[in-house]
Amino acid sequence: MDIERESTDLVKREFLAVLLAGFGNELLPLTSDHGDEPCPKSLLPVANKPMIDYTLTWLEQAGIKVHRPAIYHHIHSGASLSLSSLRIDLQTFDESQDTSVGTCTLLRHFSSRITEDFVLVPCDFIPSPSLPLSILLNKFRADAISDGSIATTCWFADHKPEKGAFPEEWGPHPQPSPIVWDEASGTLLHIDTPDDQDRNGEEIELRMALLSRYPRTKLSTSFQDSHVYVCRRSVLDALHEKRHFDSFREEFLPWLLKVQYQRTRRTKYARYLNPITNTTSQRLALKHSTMSKETSASNDSFGTLLSKDPSISVPPSPTDGDDDHGTSNSFRVGVIIHRASAGFAVRVNTIPNFLEINRRLLSQVTYSLPTEPKDRSLIDQKAQISSDTIIGGSTQVSERTMIKKSIIGRHCVIGKMAKIVGCVLLDHCVIEDGAKLEGCILGKNTKVGAKAELSRCVTQAGYEVSAGETVKGEKLDVSDWTAAPDDDDDDDDNASEDEDDGSD
C-alpha cells in the first residue's frame, strides 16, 4: 500500500477549480472550422505552447484540483506538460459553436459535482508572474473567516493598444466596465451592467445605502475583469434560485454585489448564501490576534482589521452592529486590483490581445531555436533569425530568409529569401520563396504563395494565398477563395441557359 498516497487522499480538499474552455468565437477566424471540428480556443498556441497550459500551471502552483469541460486529447497525451499534482476530472457540455451557453447555465448543470468552495477560471487568462493565484485564495480565506464574505474577484489594468496599432477589421478593443470598490477593505461594490449602460450611459447610479456603508469608495474605468472568481459553495445554491441568469459576469455578479448592502436581499437570500453549518467562526479570534490591529475610521462606524500581510488583510465587516438573523456574515465580494506597474496580465479573448501576448512573451526569450540536432539541421546556416524569435520543432527554414520578432510553429516550411517580421505562424504553415509577411497571424496549414505580400492579416486554418498576391489589413476566411470556382460555374451555367433561350 502506498502510505504517502493514502495520507494525501485523506486530506480534505479546500478548493476545486472549474476551468471553462469554450469555442472562442471572439478569435475567429483562428478558431474557425478546419476539417470536421473547430479549433478550441484553449488549444491556440501562445509562444508555441497551448493557451490552456498557462492556466493549468497557474492552478497547479496553487495546489488545486481541476474540474472542467474537456480537451481530452491534449490532457491525456501529455504532449506539452507534466502536471503531476493536478487531478483533472474531464466533463463535457453539449453545445455547438453557434449555440454556446452562459457560465451560469454551466455551473447549474455541474453543481452536483462541485461540493466545496471553488475557483472559476477562464482558459484564456494569462496572469503576470507577480499575480499568483495564492493572492486571491488568501484574500478569500481571510475575508470568509473574518466576516463571512462569499466571493473574491480579480481585476487587472487595461492595456489599450496605440491608435492604428491593429487594423479595424480585427475588431474593436473591449471597453472596460466602470467599477466601484472600497480600497481599505478590498470590497467590490458595483459593476455597470449592459442594462445600466443602456438606461443611462452617462452616469453611474449608486444607492445611498452603499455610500453610507462605504463612504470612501473609488471609481475607475481602467480595469478589466479577469473572470477569475473564488466562491463559497453556497453561491451555487443562490444561483439555482436565480434560474433566469445566464451570464455570471453581466447578471449574477452584479446581483451578488447588491446583496452585501441591501438588507432586504440579505434577509431573503441568507439561507442560501449562509447555510447552517457546524463550522465555528474565527472572527472574534482574528480581532484579538497579534497579527491584526483594529482601527476606526472617522467617517465609518465599523472597525477595520488590517493584517501586516496585504495578501491576507482582514477587512472591516459592514454588518458590525447590524446583525441580520443572528449572523454577522457580510456576504461581501472581495476584490484584488492588479495595476499595470505590477506586471502585464491579459485575457486572450481578441485577435489583437492574442498577438500582443505573443509579442510580450517574445521579449522574455533569447533566441529560442529547436534543441534537437535533427531539428536544428533543418534551419539553413545562411538564414537570418533574430534573437527575439521562436522556431518550433521540425520546421524548415531555407537560405537567405530573414525572420525577426516572430513565432514560427512546428512543422512549418519557410522558403528561400522569405521575409517574416512581427508575425505568429501556427503549425504546418508553408511560406514559399520570396514571400513577405509583416504583423500577421496565420492559422494552421496556411499556404502563402511565392512572392506574395501580406501585411497585418489574419488567416483561417487552411487558407491559401496565391503567388504574387498582395493583401493588407484583412481577415482571410477559406470561403473567400473557395467560393470563386463555384461562382464561375454558376456564371457558365447561366451563360448556357441564355444560349439555349436564344436558340429557341
Protein backbone atom coordinates (compact mmCIF):
# COMPACT_ATOMS: atom_id res chain seq x y z
CA MET A 1 0.00 0.00 0.00
CA ASP A 2 1.22 3.48 -0.88
CA ILE A 3 1.09 5.14 2.55
CA GLU A 4 2.07 8.55 1.22
CA ARG A 5 -0.73 8.49 -1.34
CA GLU A 6 -3.28 7.23 1.18
CA SER A 7 -2.36 10.04 3.56
CA THR A 8 -2.74 12.61 0.81
CA ASP A 9 -6.20 11.35 -0.14
CA LEU A 10 -7.38 11.71 3.46
CA VAL A 11 -6.67 15.44 3.42
CA LYS A 12 -9.88 17.36 2.76
CA ARG A 13 -9.74 19.35 -0.44
CA GLU A 14 -10.17 23.07 0.18
CA PHE A 15 -10.88 24.35 -3.34
CA LEU A 16 -11.94 22.89 -6.65
CA ALA A 17 -11.21 24.68 -9.93
CA VAL A 18 -13.85 24.95 -12.63
CA LEU A 19 -11.94 25.76 -15.79
CA LEU A 20 -14.11 26.85 -18.71
CA ALA A 21 -12.85 26.09 -22.23
CA GLY A 22 -15.26 27.31 -24.89
CA PHE A 23 -15.12 27.65 -28.66
CA GLY A 24 -13.65 31.15 -28.81
CA ASN A 25 -15.93 32.94 -31.23
CA GLU A 26 -14.12 36.20 -30.46
CA LEU A 27 -10.96 34.76 -32.04
CA LEU A 28 -12.43 33.96 -35.44
CA PRO A 29 -11.10 33.08 -37.98
CA LEU A 30 -8.29 31.44 -35.96
CA THR A 31 -10.82 29.15 -34.25
CA SER A 32 -12.96 28.54 -37.34
CA ASP A 33 -13.81 25.10 -38.72
CA HIS A 34 -10.90 23.19 -40.16
CA GLY A 35 -11.83 19.69 -41.14
CA ASP A 36 -14.74 18.39 -39.06
CA GLU A 37 -14.18 20.36 -35.84
CA PRO A 38 -13.37 23.97 -34.90
CA CYS A 39 -10.12 24.63 -33.08
CA PRO A 40 -10.87 25.12 -29.35
CA LYS A 41 -9.68 28.47 -28.07
CA SER A 42 -7.83 26.77 -25.22
CA LEU A 43 -5.53 24.95 -27.66
CA LEU A 44 -4.46 28.01 -29.63
CA PRO A 45 -0.70 28.28 -29.09
CA VAL A 46 0.77 31.26 -27.24
CA ALA A 47 4.55 31.31 -27.78
CA ASN A 48 4.20 27.78 -29.20
CA LYS A 49 2.51 26.48 -26.04
CA PRO A 50 -1.26 25.77 -25.84
CA MET A 51 -3.03 28.60 -24.08
CA ILE A 52 -4.59 26.27 -21.53
CA ASP A 53 -1.15 25.18 -20.29
CA TYR A 54 -0.55 28.62 -18.78
CA THR A 55 -3.81 28.33 -16.83
CA LEU A 56 -3.15 24.76 -15.69
CA THR A 57 0.31 25.73 -14.46
CA TRP A 58 -1.20 28.68 -12.56
CA LEU A 59 -3.64 26.31 -10.87
CA GLU A 60 -1.02 23.66 -10.19
CA GLN A 61 1.17 26.17 -8.38
CA ALA A 62 -1.77 26.82 -6.04
CA GLY A 63 -2.36 23.09 -5.50
CA ILE A 64 -5.91 23.00 -6.84
CA LYS A 65 -7.78 20.13 -8.47
CA VAL A 66 -9.37 20.97 -11.83
CA HIS A 67 -12.95 20.12 -12.83
CA ARG A 68 -13.64 21.36 -16.32
CA PRO A 69 -15.23 20.74 -19.73
CA ALA A 70 -12.61 18.76 -21.53
CA ILE A 71 -9.87 18.91 -24.11
CA TYR A 72 -9.41 15.14 -23.93
CA HIS A 73 -6.55 14.54 -26.35
CA HIS A 74 -4.33 17.31 -25.01
CA ILE A 75 -4.71 16.32 -21.37
CA HIS A 76 -4.28 12.59 -21.89
CA SER A 77 -1.43 12.83 -24.40
CA GLY A 78 0.82 14.77 -22.02
CA ALA A 79 2.44 16.31 -25.09
CA SER A 80 3.49 19.59 -23.54
CA LEU A 81 3.04 19.44 -19.76
CA SER A 82 3.68 17.12 -16.87
CA LEU A 83 1.07 18.23 -14.39
CA SER A 84 1.76 15.64 -11.73
CA SER A 85 -0.08 17.35 -8.89
CA LEU A 86 -3.28 18.11 -10.82
CA ARG A 87 -6.16 15.66 -10.58
CA ILE A 88 -8.29 16.52 -13.60
CA ASP A 89 -11.94 15.49 -13.91
CA LEU A 90 -12.95 15.91 -17.56
CA GLN A 91 -16.58 16.75 -18.31
CA THR A 92 -18.28 17.98 -21.48
CA PHE A 93 -21.40 20.03 -22.09
CA ASP A 94 -23.48 19.52 -25.22
CA GLU A 95 -23.23 22.79 -27.12
CA SER A 96 -22.10 24.00 -30.51
CA GLN A 97 -20.13 26.95 -31.78
CA ASP A 98 -23.37 28.67 -32.75
CA THR A 99 -25.34 27.86 -29.58
CA SER A 100 -22.92 28.44 -26.72
CA VAL A 101 -24.41 28.91 -23.26
CA GLY A 102 -23.50 31.20 -20.39
CA THR A 103 -21.41 30.37 -17.34
CA CYS A 104 -24.43 30.35 -15.03
CA THR A 105 -26.04 27.57 -17.06
CA LEU A 106 -22.84 25.52 -16.94
CA LEU A 107 -22.46 25.96 -13.18
CA ARG A 108 -26.03 24.89 -12.53
CA HIS A 109 -25.52 21.84 -14.75
CA PHE A 110 -22.35 20.71 -12.93
CA SER A 111 -23.27 21.95 -9.44
CA SER A 112 -23.81 18.41 -8.10
CA ARG A 113 -20.13 17.67 -8.79
CA ILE A 114 -18.92 20.84 -7.02
CA THR A 115 -19.06 20.01 -3.32
CA GLU A 116 -16.63 22.54 -1.89
CA ASP A 117 -15.58 26.16 -2.35
CA PHE A 118 -14.48 26.64 -5.93
CA VAL A 119 -12.40 28.80 -8.25
CA LEU A 120 -13.98 29.72 -11.57
CA VAL A 121 -11.23 30.26 -14.17
CA PRO A 122 -11.36 31.03 -17.91
CA CYS A 123 -8.88 29.22 -20.15
CA ASP A 124 -7.80 32.50 -21.77
CA PHE A 125 -6.49 34.47 -18.76
CA ILE A 126 -2.69 34.74 -18.68
CA PRO A 127 -1.60 36.43 -15.43
CA SER A 128 1.57 38.29 -14.65
CA PRO A 129 4.22 36.32 -12.72
CA SER A 130 3.59 38.79 -9.89
CA LEU A 131 -0.04 37.64 -9.64
CA PRO A 132 -0.04 34.08 -8.24
CA LEU A 133 -3.41 32.54 -7.58
CA SER A 134 -2.48 32.31 -3.90
CA ILE A 135 -3.07 36.07 -3.57
CA LEU A 136 -6.74 35.58 -4.45
CA LEU A 137 -7.06 32.48 -2.28
CA ASN A 138 -5.53 34.18 0.75
CA LYS A 139 -7.82 37.17 0.31
CA PHE A 140 -10.83 34.86 0.10
CA ARG A 141 -9.75 32.84 3.17
CA ALA A 142 -9.26 35.91 5.35
CA ASP A 143 -12.49 37.58 4.24
CA ALA A 144 -14.59 34.43 4.59
CA ILE A 145 -13.31 33.74 8.11
CA SER A 146 -13.42 37.33 9.37
CA ASP A 147 -16.95 38.31 8.35
CA GLY A 148 -18.39 35.64 6.08
CA SER A 149 -17.78 37.17 2.68
CA ILE A 150 -18.83 34.95 -0.22
CA ALA A 151 -16.50 35.63 -3.15
CA THR A 152 -13.27 37.23 -4.33
CA THR A 153 -12.69 38.69 -7.79
CA CYS A 154 -9.65 39.95 -9.66
CA TRP A 155 -9.39 42.95 -11.97
CA PHE A 156 -6.29 43.89 -13.95
CA ALA A 157 -5.12 47.09 -15.62
CA ASP A 158 -6.46 47.61 -19.12
CA HIS A 159 -3.72 47.92 -21.75
CA LYS A 160 -5.14 49.92 -24.62
CA PRO A 161 -3.24 49.48 -27.89
CA GLU A 162 -1.85 52.55 -29.57
CA LYS A 163 -4.10 54.12 -32.18
CA GLY A 164 -3.59 52.36 -35.50
CA ALA A 165 -1.60 49.52 -33.95
CA PHE A 166 -4.10 46.98 -35.27
CA PRO A 167 -6.44 47.09 -38.29
CA GLU A 168 -10.07 47.95 -37.57
CA GLU A 169 -11.00 44.71 -39.35
CA TRP A 170 -9.53 42.77 -36.42
CA GLY A 171 -12.31 44.04 -34.18
CA PRO A 172 -12.66 46.73 -31.50
CA HIS A 173 -10.80 46.74 -28.22
CA PRO A 174 -13.15 45.61 -25.40
CA GLN A 175 -14.22 48.57 -23.32
CA PRO A 176 -13.69 48.22 -19.54
CA SER A 177 -16.79 48.44 -17.40
CA PRO A 178 -16.92 51.11 -14.71
CA ILE A 179 -16.36 49.57 -11.28
CA VAL A 180 -16.69 50.96 -7.76
CA TRP A 181 -14.73 49.47 -4.85
CA ASP A 182 -13.58 50.20 -1.33
CA GLU A 183 -9.79 50.09 -1.25
CA ALA A 184 -9.36 49.90 2.54
CA SER A 185 -11.28 46.64 2.84
CA GLY A 186 -10.77 45.37 -0.71
CA THR A 187 -14.51 45.16 -1.39
CA LEU A 188 -16.08 45.27 -4.84
CA LEU A 189 -19.24 47.37 -4.63
CA HIS A 190 -20.66 48.00 -8.09
CA ILE A 191 -20.27 46.97 -11.73
CA ASP A 192 -22.13 48.66 -14.54
CA THR A 193 -24.20 46.09 -16.41
CA PRO A 194 -25.25 46.36 -20.09
CA ASP A 195 -28.74 47.31 -18.86
CA ASP A 196 -27.27 50.09 -16.70
CA GLN A 197 -25.35 51.47 -19.68
CA ASP A 198 -28.40 51.31 -21.95
CA ARG A 199 -30.55 53.04 -19.35
CA ASN A 200 -28.03 55.77 -18.51
CA GLY A 201 -24.70 55.61 -20.31
CA GLU A 202 -23.51 58.98 -18.98
CA GLU A 203 -23.90 58.43 -15.24
CA ILE A 204 -23.46 55.73 -12.59
CA GLU A 205 -26.30 55.22 -10.14
CA LEU A 206 -25.33 54.22 -6.59
CA ARG A 207 -27.64 53.68 -3.64
CA MET A 208 -27.20 55.75 -0.52
CA ALA A 209 -27.10 52.51 1.47
CA LEU A 210 -23.86 51.66 -0.32
CA LEU A 211 -22.29 55.09 0.15
CA SER A 212 -23.22 55.29 3.82
CA ARG A 213 -21.70 51.87 4.45
CA TYR A 214 -18.59 52.65 2.36
CA PRO A 215 -18.09 56.44 2.32
CA ARG A 216 -14.58 56.29 0.81
CA THR A 217 -15.21 54.47 -2.44
CA LYS A 218 -13.15 54.55 -5.62
CA LEU A 219 -14.41 54.62 -9.20
CA SER A 220 -12.42 53.57 -12.26
CA THR A 221 -12.84 52.62 -15.91
CA SER A 222 -9.23 51.46 -16.23
CA PHE A 223 -9.57 47.80 -15.22
CA GLN A 224 -10.69 44.66 -16.99
CA ASP A 225 -12.37 41.71 -15.28
CA SER A 226 -10.10 38.65 -15.28
CA HIS A 227 -13.20 36.43 -14.95
CA VAL A 228 -11.42 34.58 -12.14
CA TYR A 229 -13.77 34.17 -9.18
CA VAL A 230 -13.12 32.39 -5.88
CA CYS A 231 -16.54 31.49 -4.44
CA ARG A 232 -18.13 29.78 -1.49
CA ARG A 233 -20.05 26.64 -2.41
CA SER A 234 -23.26 28.28 -1.17
CA VAL A 235 -23.09 30.71 -4.12
CA LEU A 236 -24.30 27.84 -6.32
CA ASP A 237 -27.40 27.44 -4.14
CA ALA A 238 -28.26 31.09 -4.71
CA LEU A 239 -27.59 30.62 -8.42
CA HIS A 240 -30.22 27.88 -8.54
CA GLU A 241 -32.71 30.39 -7.14
CA LYS A 242 -31.90 32.83 -9.97
CA ARG A 243 -32.50 30.43 -12.83
CA HIS A 244 -33.07 33.16 -15.41
CA PHE A 245 -29.44 34.31 -15.10
CA ASP A 246 -27.20 33.09 -17.92
CA SER A 247 -24.11 35.31 -17.70
CA PHE A 248 -22.09 35.15 -14.48
CA ARG A 249 -20.26 38.40 -15.19
CA GLU A 250 -23.10 40.54 -16.57
CA GLU A 251 -26.03 39.26 -14.49
CA PHE A 252 -25.17 37.15 -11.45
CA LEU A 253 -22.11 39.01 -10.14
CA PRO A 254 -23.81 42.47 -10.20
CA TRP A 255 -26.71 40.88 -8.35
CA LEU A 256 -24.37 39.45 -5.69
CA LEU A 257 -22.84 42.88 -5.16
CA LYS A 258 -26.24 44.30 -4.20
CA VAL A 259 -26.83 41.59 -1.60
CA GLN A 260 -23.95 42.86 0.54
CA TYR A 261 -25.52 46.27 1.27
CA GLN A 262 -29.27 45.76 0.73
CA ARG A 263 -30.90 44.47 3.91
CA THR A 264 -33.96 43.02 2.19
CA ARG A 265 -31.84 40.90 -0.16
CA ARG A 266 -29.59 39.72 2.66
CA THR A 267 -32.68 38.68 4.59
CA LYS A 268 -34.26 36.92 1.63
CA TYR A 269 -31.18 35.01 0.45
CA ALA A 270 -29.33 34.44 3.74
CA ARG A 271 -30.50 30.82 3.94
CA TYR A 272 -28.91 30.11 0.55
CA LEU A 273 -25.72 32.14 0.89
CA ASN A 274 -25.19 31.30 4.58
CA PRO A 275 -26.44 27.75 5.20
CA ILE A 276 -26.34 26.40 8.77
CA THR A 277 -23.08 24.55 9.38
CA ASN A 278 -21.05 23.26 12.31
CA THR A 279 -18.12 25.50 11.36
CA THR A 280 -17.07 27.78 14.20
CA SER A 281 -16.39 31.37 13.19
CA GLN A 282 -12.87 32.64 13.89
CA ARG A 283 -13.84 36.27 13.62
CA LEU A 284 -13.50 37.01 17.31
CA ALA A 285 -10.12 35.29 17.42
CA LEU A 286 -8.93 37.38 14.49
CA LYS A 287 -9.97 40.56 16.27
CA HIS A 288 -7.71 39.68 19.20
CA SER A 289 -4.90 38.26 17.10
CA THR A 290 -1.48 39.88 17.43
CA MET A 291 -1.21 39.62 13.64
CA SER A 292 -4.05 42.14 13.22
CA LYS A 293 -4.90 45.51 14.65
CA GLU A 294 -8.24 47.21 15.00
CA THR A 295 -8.61 50.80 13.88
CA SER A 296 -11.52 53.13 13.47
CA ALA A 297 -12.17 55.47 10.56
CA SER A 298 -13.58 58.86 11.45
CA ASN A 299 -16.30 58.62 8.80
CA ASP A 300 -17.15 54.99 9.39
CA SER A 301 -18.86 53.35 12.35
CA PHE A 302 -17.29 49.99 11.57
CA GLY A 303 -13.93 48.80 12.81
CA THR A 304 -11.18 47.89 10.39
CA LEU A 305 -8.96 44.87 10.80
CA LEU A 306 -5.73 45.20 8.88
CA SER A 307 -3.11 42.49 8.60
CA LYS A 308 0.57 43.26 8.19
CA ASP A 309 0.48 40.99 5.15
CA PRO A 310 -1.64 42.68 2.43
CA SER A 311 -2.41 39.35 0.79
CA ILE A 312 -4.29 38.21 3.90
CA SER A 313 -5.72 41.52 5.06
CA VAL A 314 -8.75 41.25 7.29
CA PRO A 315 -11.38 43.74 6.11
CA PRO A 316 -13.99 45.66 8.08
CA SER A 317 -17.33 43.98 8.45
CA PRO A 318 -20.21 46.02 7.02
CA THR A 319 -22.59 44.18 9.34
CA ASP A 320 -20.96 45.07 12.66
CA GLY A 321 -23.78 46.33 14.84
CA ASP A 322 -26.28 45.25 12.20
CA ASP A 323 -26.99 41.61 12.96
CA ASP A 324 -29.29 40.04 10.38
CA HIS A 325 -30.92 36.80 11.57
CA GLY A 326 -28.35 36.38 14.27
CA THR A 327 -25.46 36.19 11.85
CA SER A 328 -22.60 38.59 11.29
CA ASN A 329 -21.97 37.41 7.73
CA SER A 330 -21.48 40.33 5.41
CA PHE A 331 -21.92 38.47 2.10
CA ARG A 332 -19.21 40.77 0.76
CA VAL A 333 -17.46 40.31 -2.57
CA GLY A 334 -13.73 40.95 -2.21
CA VAL A 335 -11.53 42.34 -4.96
CA ILE A 336 -7.87 42.18 -5.92
CA ILE A 337 -6.77 45.11 -8.11
CA HIS A 338 -3.74 44.26 -10.25
CA ARG A 339 -2.19 47.51 -11.51
CA ALA A 340 -0.07 47.99 -14.62
CA SER A 341 3.04 48.68 -12.53
CA ALA A 342 2.78 45.15 -11.09
CA GLY A 343 3.17 43.47 -14.48
CA PHE A 344 1.29 42.69 -17.67
CA ALA A 345 -1.81 40.48 -17.45
CA VAL A 346 -4.29 39.85 -20.24
CA ARG A 347 -7.31 37.88 -21.34
CA VAL A 348 -6.61 36.40 -24.77
CA ASN A 349 -10.15 36.97 -25.97
CA THR A 350 -9.48 39.13 -29.04
CA ILE A 351 -7.13 38.84 -32.01
CA PRO A 352 -5.15 41.98 -31.01
CA ASN A 353 -4.70 40.53 -27.50
CA PHE A 354 -3.56 37.23 -29.00
CA LEU A 355 -0.83 38.99 -30.98
CA GLU A 356 0.06 41.25 -28.04
CA ILE A 357 0.65 38.42 -25.56
CA ASN A 358 2.80 36.56 -28.09
CA ARG A 359 4.90 39.68 -28.56
CA ARG A 360 5.19 40.20 -24.81
CA LEU A 361 6.40 36.66 -24.25
CA LEU A 362 8.93 37.06 -27.06
CA SER A 363 10.63 39.76 -25.02
CA GLN A 364 11.34 37.14 -22.34
CA VAL A 365 13.19 34.71 -24.60
CA THR A 366 16.63 34.84 -26.15
CA TYR A 367 16.98 33.06 -29.45
CA SER A 368 14.72 30.07 -28.89
CA LEU A 369 15.62 27.56 -31.60
CA PRO A 370 14.92 23.80 -31.52
CA THR A 371 17.30 21.93 -29.24
CA GLU A 372 17.26 18.62 -31.10
CA PRO A 373 20.14 18.31 -33.60
CA LYS A 374 17.78 16.88 -36.20
CA ASP A 375 15.53 19.95 -35.93
CA ARG A 376 18.47 22.37 -35.95
CA SER A 377 19.74 20.82 -39.18
CA LEU A 378 16.52 21.94 -40.91
CA ILE A 379 17.48 25.60 -40.41
CA ASP A 380 19.88 26.83 -43.07
CA GLN A 381 23.01 28.49 -41.73
CA LYS A 382 22.52 31.38 -44.15
CA ALA A 383 19.09 32.22 -42.71
CA GLN A 384 18.95 35.42 -40.64
CA ILE A 385 16.97 34.81 -37.44
CA SER A 386 16.86 37.48 -34.73
CA SER A 387 17.41 36.63 -31.06
CA ASP A 388 13.79 37.55 -30.19
CA THR A 389 12.31 34.78 -32.34
CA ILE A 390 10.93 31.32 -31.51
CA ILE A 391 11.17 28.48 -34.03
CA GLY A 392 9.14 25.31 -33.41
CA GLY A 393 10.40 21.78 -33.83
CA SER A 394 10.57 20.09 -37.27
CA THR A 395 10.34 23.48 -39.01
CA GLN A 396 12.42 24.04 -42.12
CA VAL A 397 13.95 27.47 -42.82
CA SER A 398 15.69 27.93 -46.17
CA GLU A 399 18.72 30.01 -47.09
CA ARG A 400 18.73 33.82 -47.16
CA THR A 401 15.41 34.00 -45.32
CA MET A 402 15.01 36.72 -42.67
CA ILE A 403 12.85 36.21 -39.57
CA LYS A 404 12.55 38.93 -36.88
CA LYS A 405 10.40 39.23 -33.74
CA SER A 406 8.23 36.29 -34.78
CA ILE A 407 6.93 32.96 -33.51
CA ILE A 408 7.03 30.11 -36.01
CA GLY A 409 5.11 26.94 -35.13
CA ARG A 410 6.05 23.30 -35.62
CA HIS A 411 6.34 21.50 -38.98
CA CYS A 412 6.38 24.74 -40.98
CA VAL A 413 8.24 25.19 -44.25
CA ILE A 414 9.79 28.59 -44.95
CA GLY A 415 11.16 29.02 -48.48
CA LYS A 416 14.19 30.89 -49.78
CA MET A 417 14.53 34.67 -49.44
CA ALA A 418 11.28 34.97 -47.47
CA LYS A 419 10.89 37.85 -45.03
CA ILE A 420 8.84 37.48 -41.84
CA VAL A 421 8.63 40.33 -39.32
CA GLY A 422 6.45 40.57 -36.19
CA CYS A 423 4.30 37.55 -37.09
CA VAL A 424 2.79 34.47 -35.44
CA LEU A 425 2.61 31.36 -37.60
CA LEU A 426 0.74 28.35 -36.24
CA ASP A 427 1.77 24.78 -37.06
CA HIS A 428 2.16 23.37 -40.59
CA CYS A 429 2.28 26.71 -42.43
CA VAL A 430 4.04 26.89 -45.80
CA ILE A 431 5.70 30.14 -46.90
CA GLU A 432 7.06 29.88 -50.43
CA ASP A 433 10.13 31.59 -51.90
CA GLY A 434 10.27 35.36 -51.76
CA ALA A 435 7.06 35.85 -49.77
CA LYS A 436 6.89 38.78 -47.34
CA LEU A 437 4.86 38.83 -44.09
CA GLU A 438 4.54 41.69 -41.64
CA GLY A 439 2.43 41.76 -38.45
CA CYS A 440 0.36 38.72 -39.50
CA ILE A 441 -1.24 35.78 -37.70
CA LEU A 442 -1.51 32.66 -39.86
CA GLY A 443 -3.79 29.79 -38.87
CA LYS A 444 -2.72 26.16 -39.15
CA ASN A 445 -1.87 24.85 -42.63
CA THR A 446 -1.93 28.32 -44.20
CA LYS A 447 -0.07 28.45 -47.51
CA VAL A 448 1.42 31.69 -48.82
CA GLY A 449 2.47 31.57 -52.48
CA ALA A 450 5.80 32.71 -53.90
CA LYS A 451 6.44 36.47 -53.78
CA ALA A 452 3.05 37.12 -52.12
CA GLU A 453 2.90 40.00 -49.63
CA LEU A 454 0.73 40.05 -46.50
CA SER A 455 0.58 42.95 -44.06
CA ARG A 456 -1.40 42.79 -40.79
CA CYS A 457 -3.64 39.92 -41.92
CA VAL A 458 -5.24 37.02 -40.05
CA THR A 459 -5.94 33.75 -41.86
CA GLN A 460 -8.24 30.84 -41.15
CA ALA A 461 -6.72 27.38 -40.95
CA GLY A 462 -6.08 26.01 -44.42
CA TYR A 463 -6.22 29.36 -46.23
CA GLU A 464 -4.15 29.70 -49.42
CA VAL A 465 -2.69 32.98 -50.67
CA SER A 466 -1.97 32.95 -54.39
CA ALA A 467 1.53 33.59 -55.69
CA GLY A 468 2.24 37.28 -56.15
CA GLU A 469 -0.93 38.36 -54.32
CA THR A 470 -0.85 41.44 -52.05
CA VAL A 471 -3.25 41.75 -49.09
CA LYS A 472 -3.31 44.32 -46.27
CA GLY A 473 -5.33 44.51 -43.04
CA GLU A 474 -7.79 41.67 -43.73
CA LYS A 475 -9.35 38.66 -42.02
CA LEU A 476 -8.98 35.92 -44.62
CA ASP A 477 -11.52 33.08 -44.47
CA VAL A 478 -11.37 29.91 -46.52
CA SER A 479 -14.71 30.85 -48.10
CA ASP A 480 -13.05 33.91 -49.66
CA TRP A 481 -11.15 31.78 -52.15
CA THR A 482 -13.11 28.51 -52.24
CA ALA A 483 -16.27 30.30 -53.35
CA ALA A 484 -14.66 31.67 -56.50
CA PRO A 485 -14.75 28.45 -58.58
CA ASP A 486 -18.42 27.89 -57.68
CA ASP A 487 -19.26 31.42 -58.78
CA ASP A 488 -17.53 30.78 -62.11
CA ASP A 489 -19.51 27.56 -62.54
CA ASP A 490 -22.73 29.44 -61.87
CA ASP A 491 -21.81 32.01 -64.50
CA ASP A 492 -21.10 29.25 -67.01
CA ASP A 493 -24.45 27.63 -66.27
CA ASN A 494 -26.26 30.95 -66.68
CA ALA A 495 -24.45 31.59 -69.96
CA SER A 496 -25.51 28.16 -71.27
CA GLU A 497 -29.10 28.84 -70.27
CA ASP A 498 -29.02 32.18 -72.10
CA GLU A 499 -27.68 30.47 -75.22
CA ASP A 500 -30.47 27.90 -75.02
CA ASP A 501 -33.04 30.66 -74.67
CA GLY A 502 -31.59 32.40 -77.72
CA SER A 503 -31.76 29.27 -79.87
CA ASP A 504 -35.43 28.87 -79.07
